[in-house]
Structure formats: C-alpha cells, structure tokens
C-alpha cells in the first residue's frame, strides 16, 4: 500500500504583519545609515552665507571623525564616553555639531581653531597663532531680500594656514562691526574654535557658543544634494521649479565656488 505524504499547509502571510515587518526593517536600515554613514541636514539660517544658503540640503559624513554618544540621532547613550574610531578634523572644514548646553540643536560652522591654537579677530581679520589669515577682496555678494530688493555685502576669499580657501562676508571693511575685535582665545585640549562665514551675523565661538568639545562634532559637510529658495512644499508647483530650485548647487561640493574661481584663474 502506498501512503500519500501529508502536504504541509502554507501559512498565509497576514498583510498587516507583513507591512509592519517591512516598515521595521526599513527603519532599522535607515537608522543604521543615519548613525554610521551619512546624515542629511538642512540650512536654517544665514550664518554660513555665502558658502551655505538657507534651503540648502546637504549630507554630513558620520564616519569621518569617528563616533560619540551624539552620533545617535534620537538618544544619547551615557555609557559611551568620548569618541571611538576617532580621527582628527582638519582646519577649514564645515562641521555640523552640538554645543554644550544645547544638545538638542544642530549647528553648522567652519572649524578654524584646533586644540592649542591661539585665536583672535582684529579689525575683521582672523589671526591664528599670531599670523593673519589673508583676505582677498572680490565682488560684492548680492542677496535677494524677501521684499524683492537686493542687498550687497563685501565678500572676501580667506586663506587659512593649511592653504584651505573659502568665501566669507564682512558687512564693514573698516573692522568696526560686531565681533570684529575679540580677545585672544586659547583653544583647550580636545576642543575646537568655530566661526560662521557670515562674520557679522553668526553666533559662534567668539560669542554665544564658546569652544566645542570633540565628542560634540557630528561630522563634516560633504556635498549639497538639493537647494531650494522657498519651502520644499512649493515643489508641488512644478511650473515654479525654474525660479525656486537652485540647479547649479545640486550635487556640488561645499566650497565649490572658490575651487571654480581658482580653476578659472589657473587657466586664464
């Protein structure tokens, strides 16, 4: 006699369970990427004009400096002390960070002072260890105001001791504006000195933020992946795209304007 094997009944997958399982998996992957590789960031204010504009969307590298408890997007596990897999930042990098006393807010500034450096601003000129960082005057930066009028601000290319070149704005070339003259700061061990590129409109290490500890750095800004003048919700108005999307900034490097200027001058 032959007996037929009983076929196992295939278990029906419940659509709701399947959906939540897929959603959980996607969230875990997204959380892993955001914690350990790249994290998106959007520019909320004008403190980094002309390098970063309000409405720029960029990615920061979470692996560049290693990891600390602040690398985790939603929780700060207290059992993690200092940084692990740490790598020292470079002077001149644009960095997203937390600041002591306001760890719920992300800030973006340029790192100009390393541990042990002496930093001072005199008449609008940045001095690092007693040496002035040269500023080359170029054409004014033209900003379109909400009223429709335009505002012109003196613009410079600043060169740091390691050769890093970037754009800055100074509202007065006489060096008599806010924060154009400071005391000398000595950067403590495992801390950094940060400044905004919009020198007269930036709350930074000169005033307000103070020194930024190494473990508060989230990572350097790597590239702009999108840029829009208005709210991102205005993208539903497709006919407005040519006016509101800054196509020239999409997938551009952080200091691409200076690099383009240098390249043009070299081939001139």
C-alpha atoms as a PDB file:
ATOM      1  CA  UNK A   1       0.000   0.000   0.000  1.00  0.00           C
ATOM      2  CA  UNK A   2       1.181   3.477  -0.780  1.00  0.00           C
ATOM      3  CA  UNK A   3       0.519   6.316   1.559  1.00  0.00           C
ATOM      4  CA  UNK A   4       0.455   9.884   0.352  1.00  0.00           C
ATOM      5  CA  UNK A   5       2.552  12.271   2.349  1.00  0.00           C
ATOM      6  CA  UNK A   6       0.523  14.925   4.006  1.00  0.00           C
ATOM      7  CA  UNK A   7       1.298  18.241   2.421  1.00  0.00           C
ATOM      8  CA  UNK A   8       2.095  20.990   4.855  1.00  0.00           C
ATOM      9  CA  UNK A   9      -0.296  23.811   4.599  1.00  0.00           C
ATOM     10  CA  UNK A  10       1.383  27.001   3.592  1.00  0.00           C
ATOM     11  CA  UNK A  11       0.929  29.560   6.282  1.00  0.00           C
ATOM     12  CA  UNK A  12      -0.870  32.586   4.972  1.00  0.00           C
ATOM     13  CA  UNK A  13       1.013  35.801   5.479  1.00  0.00           C
ATOM     14  CA  UNK A  14      -1.019  38.437   7.172  1.00  0.00           C
ATOM     15  CA  UNK A  15      -0.766  41.656   5.079  1.00  0.00           C
ATOM     16  CA  UNK A  16      -0.719  43.964   8.116  1.00  0.00           C
ATOM     17  CA  UNK A  17       2.017  41.933   9.839  1.00  0.00           C
ATOM     18  CA  UNK A  18       3.990  41.865   6.609  1.00  0.00           C
ATOM     19  CA  UNK A  19       3.669  45.643   6.246  1.00  0.00           C
ATOM     20  CA  UNK A  20       4.894  46.345   9.777  1.00  0.00           C
ATOM     21  CA  UNK A  21       7.751  43.874   9.429  1.00  0.00           C
ATOM     22  CA  UNK A  22       8.891  45.618   6.235  1.00  0.00           C
ATOM     23  CA  UNK A  23       8.477  49.033   7.848  1.00  0.00           C
ATOM     24  CA  UNK A  24      10.525  47.986  10.900  1.00  0.00           C
ATOM     25  CA  UNK A  25      13.280  46.602   8.689  1.00  0.00           C
ATOM     26  CA  UNK A  26      13.356  49.827   6.642  1.00  0.00           C
ATOM     27  CA  UNK A  27      13.543  51.953   9.808  1.00  0.00           C
ATOM     28  CA  UNK A  28      16.404  49.867  11.197  1.00  0.00           C
ATOM     29  CA  UNK A  29      18.359  50.222   7.943  1.00  0.00           C
ATOM     30  CA  UNK A  30      17.641  53.965   7.790  1.00  0.00           C
ATOM     31  CA  UNK A  31      18.699  54.374  11.430  1.00  0.00           C
ATOM     32  CA  UNK A  32      21.922  52.458  10.792  1.00  0.00           C
ATOM     33  CA  UNK A  33      22.776  54.610   7.748  1.00  0.00           C
ATOM     34  CA  UNK A  34      21.965  57.839   9.586  1.00  0.00           C
ATOM     35  CA  UNK A  35      24.018  56.854  12.620  1.00  0.00           C
ATOM     36  CA  UNK A  36      27.106  55.365  10.997  1.00  0.00           C
ATOM     37  CA  UNK A  37      27.423  56.660   7.424  1.00  0.00           C
ATOM     38  CA  UNK A  38      25.592  59.754   6.138  1.00  0.00           C
ATOM     39  CA  UNK A  39      23.040  62.059   7.749  1.00  0.00           C
ATOM     40  CA  UNK A  40      21.033  64.757   5.918  1.00  0.00           C
ATOM     41  CA  UNK A  41      20.988  68.301   7.230  1.00  0.00           C
ATOM     42  CA  UNK A  42      19.206  71.454   6.059  1.00  0.00           C
ATOM     43  CA  UNK A  43      20.474  75.012   6.482  1.00  0.00           C
ATOM     44  CA  UNK A  44      18.074  77.005   8.707  1.00  0.00           C
ATOM     45  CA  UNK A  45      19.806  80.419   8.893  1.00  0.00           C
ATOM     46  CA  UNK A  46      22.196  82.761   7.123  1.00  0.00           C
ATOM     47  CA  UNK A  47      25.186  82.403   9.471  1.00  0.00           C
ATOM     48  CA  UNK A  48      27.157  80.491   6.812  1.00  0.00           C
ATOM     49  CA  UNK A  49      26.442  82.825   3.859  1.00  0.00           C
ATOM     50  CA  UNK A  50      27.794  82.798   1.174  1.00  0.00           C
ATOM     51  CA  UNK A  51      29.009  79.186   1.470  1.00  0.00           C
ATOM     52  CA  UNK A  52      25.713  77.745   2.659  1.00  0.00           C
ATOM     53  CA  UNK A  53      22.322  79.229   1.800  1.00  0.00           C
ATOM     54  CA  UNK A  54      19.005  78.853   3.596  1.00  0.00           C
ATOM     55  CA  UNK A  55      17.269  75.987   1.798  1.00  0.00           C
ATOM     56  CA  UNK A  56      20.448  74.006   1.073  1.00  0.00           C
ATOM     57  CA  UNK A  57      20.140  70.288   1.834  1.00  0.00           C
ATOM     58  CA  UNK A  58      23.432  68.523   2.442  1.00  0.00           C
ATOM     59  CA  UNK A  59      24.930  65.278   3.690  1.00  0.00           C
ATOM     60  CA  UNK A  60      27.435  65.012   6.511  1.00  0.00           C
ATOM     61  CA  UNK A  61      29.864  62.120   6.898  1.00  0.00           C
ATOM     62  CA  UNK A  62      29.247  60.433  10.246  1.00  0.00           C
ATOM     63  CA  UNK A  63      32.316  58.202   9.917  1.00  0.00           C
ATOM     64  CA  UNK A  64      34.856  60.974   9.262  1.00  0.00           C
ATOM     65  CA  UNK A  65      35.623  61.806  12.915  1.00  0.00           C
ATOM     66  CA  UNK A  66      34.547  58.529  14.488  1.00  0.00           C
ATOM     67  CA  UNK A  67      31.555  58.216  16.801  1.00  0.00           C
ATOM     68  CA  UNK A  68      30.377  59.573  20.137  1.00  0.00           C
ATOM     69  CA  UNK A  69      27.114  59.407  22.028  1.00  0.00           C
ATOM     70  CA  UNK A  70      25.894  62.366  19.966  1.00  0.00           C
ATOM     71  CA  UNK A  71      26.247  60.334  16.768  1.00  0.00           C
ATOM     72  CA  UNK A  72      22.975  58.604  17.628  1.00  0.00           C
ATOM     73  CA  UNK A  73      20.125  60.691  16.162  1.00  0.00           C
ATOM     74  CA  UNK A  74      17.457  60.318  18.837  1.00  0.00           C
ATOM     75  CA  UNK A  75      19.156  59.105  22.024  1.00  0.00           C
ATOM     76  CA  UNK A  76      22.453  59.956  23.695  1.00  0.00           C
ATOM     77  CA  UNK A  77      23.596  56.771  25.484  1.00  0.00           C
ATOM     78  CA  UNK A  78      25.513  57.876  28.588  1.00  0.00           C
ATOM     79  CA  UNK A  79      27.600  54.702  28.709  1.00  0.00           C
ATOM     80  CA  UNK A  80      29.507  55.928  25.615  1.00  0.00           C
ATOM     81  CA  UNK A  81      32.364  58.173  26.747  1.00  0.00           C
ATOM     82  CA  UNK A  82      34.469  60.311  24.400  1.00  0.00           C
ATOM     83  CA  UNK A  83      34.873  59.108  20.784  1.00  0.00           C
ATOM     84  CA  UNK A  84      35.698  55.712  19.329  1.00  0.00           C
ATOM     85  CA  UNK A  85      37.325  55.139  15.921  1.00  0.00           C
ATOM     86  CA  UNK A  86      38.260  58.829  16.258  1.00  0.00           C
ATOM     87  CA  UNK A  87      40.025  60.809  13.543  1.00  0.00           C
ATOM     88  CA  UNK A  88      41.119  64.455  13.953  1.00  0.00           C
ATOM     89  CA  UNK A  89      39.185  67.094  11.956  1.00  0.00           C
ATOM     90  CA  UNK A  90      41.026  69.365   9.523  1.00  0.00           C
ATOM     91  CA  UNK A  91      41.148  73.119   9.834  1.00  0.00           C
ATOM     92  CA  UNK A  92      38.728  74.796   7.437  1.00  0.00           C
ATOM     93  CA  UNK A  93      36.140  72.015   7.316  1.00  0.00           C
ATOM     94  CA  UNK A  94      32.460  72.934   7.579  1.00  0.00           C
ATOM     95  CA  UNK A  95      31.139  70.929  10.517  1.00  0.00           C
ATOM     96  CA  UNK A  96      27.710  70.027  11.903  1.00  0.00           C
ATOM     97  CA  UNK A  97      27.807  69.758  15.689  1.00  0.00           C
ATOM     98  CA  UNK A  98      26.082  70.001  19.022  1.00  0.00           C
ATOM     99  CA  UNK A  99      27.145  72.634  21.547  1.00  0.00           C
ATOM    100  CA  UNK A 100      27.366  72.269  25.338  1.00  0.00           C
ATOM    101  CA  UNK A 101      24.113  73.271  26.990  1.00  0.00           C
ATOM    102  CA  UNK A 102      22.061  72.984  23.788  1.00  0.00           C
ATOM    103  CA  UNK A 103      22.492  69.373  22.713  1.00  0.00           C
ATOM    104  CA  UNK A 104      19.015  69.218  21.155  1.00  0.00           C
ATOM    105  CA  UNK A 105      20.022  71.657  18.406  1.00  0.00           C
ATOM    106  CA  UNK A 106      22.389  71.062  15.486  1.00  0.00           C
ATOM    107  CA  UNK A 107      24.695  73.908  14.447  1.00  0.00           C
ATOM    108  CA  UNK A 108      26.840  74.292  11.342  1.00  0.00           C
ATOM    109  CA  UNK A 109      30.059  76.358  11.369  1.00  0.00           C
ATOM    110  CA  UNK A 110      33.575  76.358   9.942  1.00  0.00           C
ATOM    111  CA  UNK A 111      36.345  74.902  12.097  1.00  0.00           C
ATOM    112  CA  UNK A 112      39.149  77.484  12.275  1.00  0.00           C
ATOM    113  CA  UNK A 113      40.888  76.651  15.562  1.00  0.00           C
ATOM    114  CA  UNK A 114      42.490  73.358  16.631  1.00  0.00           C
ATOM    115  CA  UNK A 115      43.443  72.336  20.201  1.00  0.00           C
ATOM    116  CA  UNK A 116      46.255  74.564  21.489  1.00  0.00           C
ATOM    117  CA  UNK A 117      45.713  77.315  18.887  1.00  0.00           C
ATOM    118  CA  UNK A 118      45.596  80.997  19.808  1.00  0.00           C
ATOM    119  CA  UNK A 119      42.646  82.614  18.015  1.00  0.00           C
ATOM    120  CA  UNK A 120      41.824  86.297  17.785  1.00  0.00           C
ATOM    121  CA  UNK A 121      39.913  88.615  15.451  1.00  0.00           C
ATOM    122  CA  UNK A 122      41.337  92.127  14.963  1.00  0.00           C
ATOM    123  CA  UNK A 123      39.580  94.647  12.710  1.00  0.00           C
ATOM    124  CA  UNK A 124      37.728  91.801  11.000  1.00  0.00           C
ATOM    125  CA  UNK A 125      40.892  89.793  10.273  1.00  0.00           C
ATOM    126  CA  UNK A 126      41.260  86.295  11.725  1.00  0.00           C
ATOM    127  CA  UNK A 127      44.599  85.678  13.479  1.00  0.00           C
ATOM    128  CA  UNK A 128      45.743  82.112  14.169  1.00  0.00           C
ATOM    129  CA  UNK A 129      48.769  81.773  16.438  1.00  0.00           C
ATOM    130  CA  UNK A 130      49.674  85.399  15.786  1.00  0.00           C
ATOM    131  CA  UNK A 131      49.514  85.125  11.979  1.00  0.00           C
ATOM    132  CA  UNK A 132      46.783  86.832   9.944  1.00  0.00           C
ATOM    133  CA  UNK A 133      44.680  84.668   7.630  1.00  0.00           C
ATOM    134  CA  UNK A 134      44.869  86.641   4.335  1.00  0.00           C
ATOM    135  CA  UNK A 135      41.620  88.033   2.922  1.00  0.00           C
ATOM    136  CA  UNK A 136      41.309  88.790  -0.794  1.00  0.00           C
ATOM    137  CA  UNK A 137      38.550  91.243  -1.670  1.00  0.00           C
ATOM    138  CA  UNK A 138      36.330  90.096  -4.542  1.00  0.00           C
ATOM    139  CA  UNK A 139      32.985  91.251  -5.956  1.00  0.00           C
ATOM    140  CA  UNK A 140      30.166  92.025  -3.526  1.00  0.00           C
ATOM    141  CA  UNK A 141      27.808  89.237  -2.553  1.00  0.00           C
ATOM    142  CA  UNK A 142      24.310  90.085  -3.803  1.00  0.00           C
ATOM    143  CA  UNK A 143      21.425  88.758  -1.729  1.00  0.00           C
ATOM    144  CA  UNK A 144      17.795  88.998  -2.777  1.00  0.00           C
ATOM    145  CA  UNK A 145      15.691  90.054   0.195  1.00  0.00           C
ATOM    146  CA  UNK A 146      12.059  88.884   0.818  1.00  0.00           C
ATOM    147  CA  UNK A 147      10.905  92.406  -0.066  1.00  0.00           C
ATOM    148  CA  UNK A 148      12.322  91.934  -3.552  1.00  0.00           C
ATOM    149  CA  UNK A 149      15.177  94.367  -3.022  1.00  0.00           C
ATOM    150  CA  UNK A 150      18.810  93.304  -3.207  1.00  0.00           C
ATOM    151  CA  UNK A 151      21.454  93.671  -0.510  1.00  0.00           C
ATOM    152  CA  UNK A 152      25.166  93.928  -1.326  1.00  0.00           C
ATOM    153  CA  UNK A 153      27.760  92.761   1.215  1.00  0.00           C
ATOM    154  CA  UNK A 154      31.565  92.925   0.868  1.00  0.00           C
ATOM    155  CA  UNK A 155      32.890  89.447   0.033  1.00  0.00           C
ATOM    156  CA  UNK A 156      36.374  88.004   0.542  1.00  0.00           C
ATOM    157  CA  UNK A 157      38.348  84.815  -0.053  1.00  0.00           C
ATOM    158  CA  UNK A 158      40.012  83.859   3.216  1.00  0.00           C
ATOM    159  CA  UNK A 159      43.050  81.551   3.230  1.00  0.00           C
ATOM    160  CA  UNK A 160      43.829  79.506   6.353  1.00  0.00           C
ATOM    161  CA  UNK A 161      47.357  78.370   7.357  1.00  0.00           C
ATOM    162  CA  UNK A 162      46.878  74.929   5.750  1.00  0.00           C
ATOM    163  CA  UNK A 163      46.008  76.547   2.393  1.00  0.00           C
ATOM    164  CA  UNK A 164      42.268  75.975   2.739  1.00  0.00           C
ATOM    165  CA  UNK A 165      40.413  78.780   0.890  1.00  0.00           C
ATOM    166  CA  UNK A 166      36.792  79.745   1.388  1.00  0.00           C
ATOM    167  CA  UNK A 167      34.396  82.667   0.984  1.00  0.00           C
ATOM    168  CA  UNK A 168      33.404  84.960   3.843  1.00  0.00           C
ATOM    169  CA  UNK A 169      31.201  88.044   4.197  1.00  0.00           C
ATOM    170  CA  UNK A 170      32.073  91.142   6.241  1.00  0.00           C
ATOM    171  CA  UNK A 171      29.491  93.892   6.488  1.00  0.00           C
ATOM    172  CA  UNK A 172      32.079  96.579   7.125  1.00  0.00           C
ATOM    173  CA  UNK A 173      35.568  96.686   5.673  1.00  0.00           C
ATOM    174  CA  UNK A 174      36.660  99.087   8.442  1.00  0.00           C
ATOM    175  CA  UNK A 175      36.703  96.296  11.037  1.00  0.00           C
ATOM    176  CA  UNK A 176      34.397  98.144  13.416  1.00  0.00           C
ATOM    177  CA  UNK A 177      31.397  95.833  13.154  1.00  0.00           C
ATOM    178  CA  UNK A 178      30.046  93.380  15.745  1.00  0.00           C
ATOM    179  CA  UNK A 179      32.617  90.718  16.783  1.00  0.00           C
ATOM    180  CA  UNK A 180      35.292  92.241  14.504  1.00  0.00           C
ATOM    181  CA  UNK A 181      37.560  92.704  17.536  1.00  0.00           C
ATOM    182  CA  UNK A 182      37.880  89.990  20.172  1.00  0.00           C
ATOM    183  CA  UNK A 183      40.166  88.938  22.973  1.00  0.00           C
ATOM    184  CA  UNK A 184      42.693  86.174  22.293  1.00  0.00           C
ATOM    185  CA  UNK A 185      41.228  82.699  22.808  1.00  0.00           C
ATOM    186  CA  UNK A 186      43.410  79.681  23.625  1.00  0.00           C
ATOM    187  CA  UNK A 187      41.658  76.529  22.418  1.00  0.00           C
ATOM    188  CA  UNK A 188      41.657  73.834  25.159  1.00  0.00           C
ATOM    189  CA  UNK A 189      42.657  70.217  24.621  1.00  0.00           C
ATOM    190  CA  UNK A 190      40.026  68.152  22.758  1.00  0.00           C
ATOM    191  CA  UNK A 191      38.115  71.323  21.801  1.00  0.00           C
ATOM    192  CA  UNK A 192      37.727  73.395  18.641  1.00  0.00           C
ATOM    193  CA  UNK A 193      37.036  77.005  17.694  1.00  0.00           C
ATOM    194  CA  UNK A 194      34.191  77.570  15.233  1.00  0.00           C
ATOM    195  CA  UNK A 195      33.196  80.597  13.160  1.00  0.00           C
ATOM    196  CA  UNK A 196      30.427  81.322  10.672  1.00  0.00           C
ATOM    197  CA  UNK A 197      31.402  82.523   7.191  1.00  0.00           C
ATOM    198  CA  UNK A 198      28.899  85.382   7.552  1.00  0.00           C
ATOM    199  CA  UNK A 199      31.226  87.027  10.041  1.00  0.00           C
ATOM    200  CA  UNK A 200      28.990  89.818  11.316  1.00  0.00           C
ATOM    201  CA  UNK A 201      25.867  87.663  11.511  1.00  0.00           C
ATOM    202  CA  UNK A 202      26.991  84.486  13.218  1.00  0.00           C
ATOM    203  CA  UNK A 203      26.648  83.205  16.764  1.00  0.00           C
ATOM    204  CA  UNK A 204      29.806  81.134  17.126  1.00  0.00           C
ATOM    205  CA  UNK A 205      32.860  80.523  19.340  1.00  0.00           C
ATOM    206  CA  UNK A 206      33.576  84.273  19.509  1.00  0.00           C
ATOM    207  CA  UNK A 207      30.306  84.935  21.273  1.00  0.00           C
ATOM    208  CA  UNK A 208      27.491  82.640  22.419  1.00  0.00           C
ATOM    209  CA  UNK A 209      28.741  79.143  21.591  1.00  0.00           C
ATOM    210  CA  UNK A 210      32.207  79.005  23.125  1.00  0.00           C
ATOM    211  CA  UNK A 211      34.625  76.150  22.456  1.00  0.00           C
ATOM    212  CA  UNK A 212      33.135  72.946  21.029  1.00  0.00           C
ATOM    213  CA  UNK A 213      34.320  69.607  22.513  1.00  0.00           C
ATOM    214  CA  UNK A 214      35.447  66.839  20.149  1.00  0.00           C
ATOM    215  CA  UNK A 215      32.651  64.480  21.181  1.00  0.00           C
ATOM    216  CA  UNK A 216      30.043  67.125  20.165  1.00  0.00           C
ATOM    217  CA  UNK A 217      31.081  67.051  16.486  1.00  0.00           C
ATOM    218  CA  UNK A 218      28.685  65.074  14.277  1.00  0.00           C
ATOM    219  CA  UNK A 219      30.705  65.225  11.066  1.00  0.00           C
ATOM    220  CA  UNK A 220      31.899  67.393   8.190  1.00  0.00           C
ATOM    221  CA  UNK A 221      29.531  68.578   5.470  1.00  0.00           C
ATOM    222  CA  UNK A 222      30.437  66.744   2.251  1.00  0.00           C
ATOM    223  CA  UNK A 223      28.143  67.924  -0.525  1.00  0.00           C
ATOM    224  CA  UNK A 224      24.863  69.699  -1.266  1.00  0.00           C
ATOM    225  CA  UNK A 225      22.329  67.291  -2.740  1.00  0.00           C
ATOM    226  CA  UNK A 226      19.460  69.765  -3.167  1.00  0.00           C
ATOM    227  CA  UNK A 227      18.787  73.501  -2.825  1.00  0.00           C
ATOM    228  CA  UNK A 228      15.578  75.499  -2.961  1.00  0.00           C
ATOM    229  CA  UNK A 229      14.786  79.167  -2.322  1.00  0.00           C
ATOM    230  CA  UNK A 230      11.300  78.611  -0.925  1.00  0.00           C
ATOM    231  CA  UNK A 231       9.743  75.929   1.231  1.00  0.00           C
ATOM    232  CA  UNK A 232      10.233  72.384  -0.051  1.00  0.00           C
ATOM    233  CA  UNK A 233       6.423  72.111  -0.113  1.00  0.00           C
ATOM    234  CA  UNK A 234       6.457  74.549  -3.047  1.00  0.00           C
ATOM    235  CA  UNK A 235       7.800  71.713  -5.199  1.00  0.00           C
ATOM    236  CA  UNK A 236       4.191  70.751  -5.896  1.00  0.00           C
ATOM    237  CA  UNK A 237       4.087  73.856  -8.118  1.00  0.00           C
ATOM    238  CA  UNK A 238       6.033  72.332 -10.993  1.00  0.00           C
ATOM    239  CA  UNK A 239       5.816  75.494 -13.101  1.00  0.00           C
ATOM    240  CA  UNK A 240       7.785  77.327 -10.363  1.00  0.00           C
ATOM    241  CA  UNK A 241      10.775  74.944 -10.411  1.00  0.00           C
ATOM    242  CA  UNK A 242      12.974  77.098 -12.686  1.00  0.00           C
ATOM    243  CA  UNK A 243      12.525  80.005 -10.246  1.00  0.00           C
ATOM    244  CA  UNK A 244      12.846  78.291  -6.864  1.00  0.00           C
ATOM    245  CA  UNK A 245      15.284  75.391  -7.400  1.00  0.00           C
ATOM    246  CA  UNK A 246      18.974  76.337  -7.371  1.00  0.00           C
ATOM    247  CA  UNK A 247      20.055  73.815 -10.007  1.00  0.00           C
ATOM    248  CA  UNK A 248      23.676  74.996 -10.014  1.00  0.00           C
ATOM    249  CA  UNK A 249      24.080  73.946  -6.355  1.00  0.00           C
ATOM    250  CA  UNK A 250      22.696  70.404  -6.662  1.00  0.00           C
ATOM    251  CA  UNK A 251      25.407  67.758  -6.067  1.00  0.00           C
ATOM    252  CA  UNK A 252      28.037  70.455  -5.580  1.00  0.00           C
ATOM    253  CA  UNK A 253      30.911  70.449  -3.104  1.00  0.00           C
ATOM    254  CA  UNK A 254      30.843  72.696  -0.049  1.00  0.00           C
ATOM    255  CA  UNK A 255      33.440  75.243  -1.245  1.00  0.00           C
ATOM    256  CA  UNK A 256      32.856  74.651  -4.952  1.00  0.00           C
ATOM    257  CA  UNK A 257      32.668  78.371  -5.791  1.00  0.00           C
ATOM    258  CA  UNK A 258      36.239  79.101  -4.634  1.00  0.00           C
ATOM    259  CA  UNK A 259      37.559  75.975  -6.347  1.00  0.00           C
ATOM    260  CA  UNK A 260      35.855  77.078  -9.567  1.00  0.00           C
ATOM    261  CA  UNK A 261      37.395  80.569  -9.248  1.00  0.00           C
ATOM    262  CA  UNK A 262      40.865  79.109  -8.666  1.00  0.00           C
ATOM    263  CA  UNK A 263      40.453  76.772 -11.623  1.00  0.00           C
ATOM    264  CA  UNK A 264      39.370  79.607 -13.911  1.00  0.00           C
ATOM    265  CA  UNK A 265      42.281  81.801 -12.783  1.00  0.00           C
ATOM    266  CA  UNK A 266      44.744  78.975 -13.426  1.00  0.00           C
ATOM    267  CA  UNK A 267      43.528  78.548 -16.999  1.00  0.00           C
ATOM    268  CA  UNK A 268      43.118  82.282 -17.699  1.00  0.00           C
END
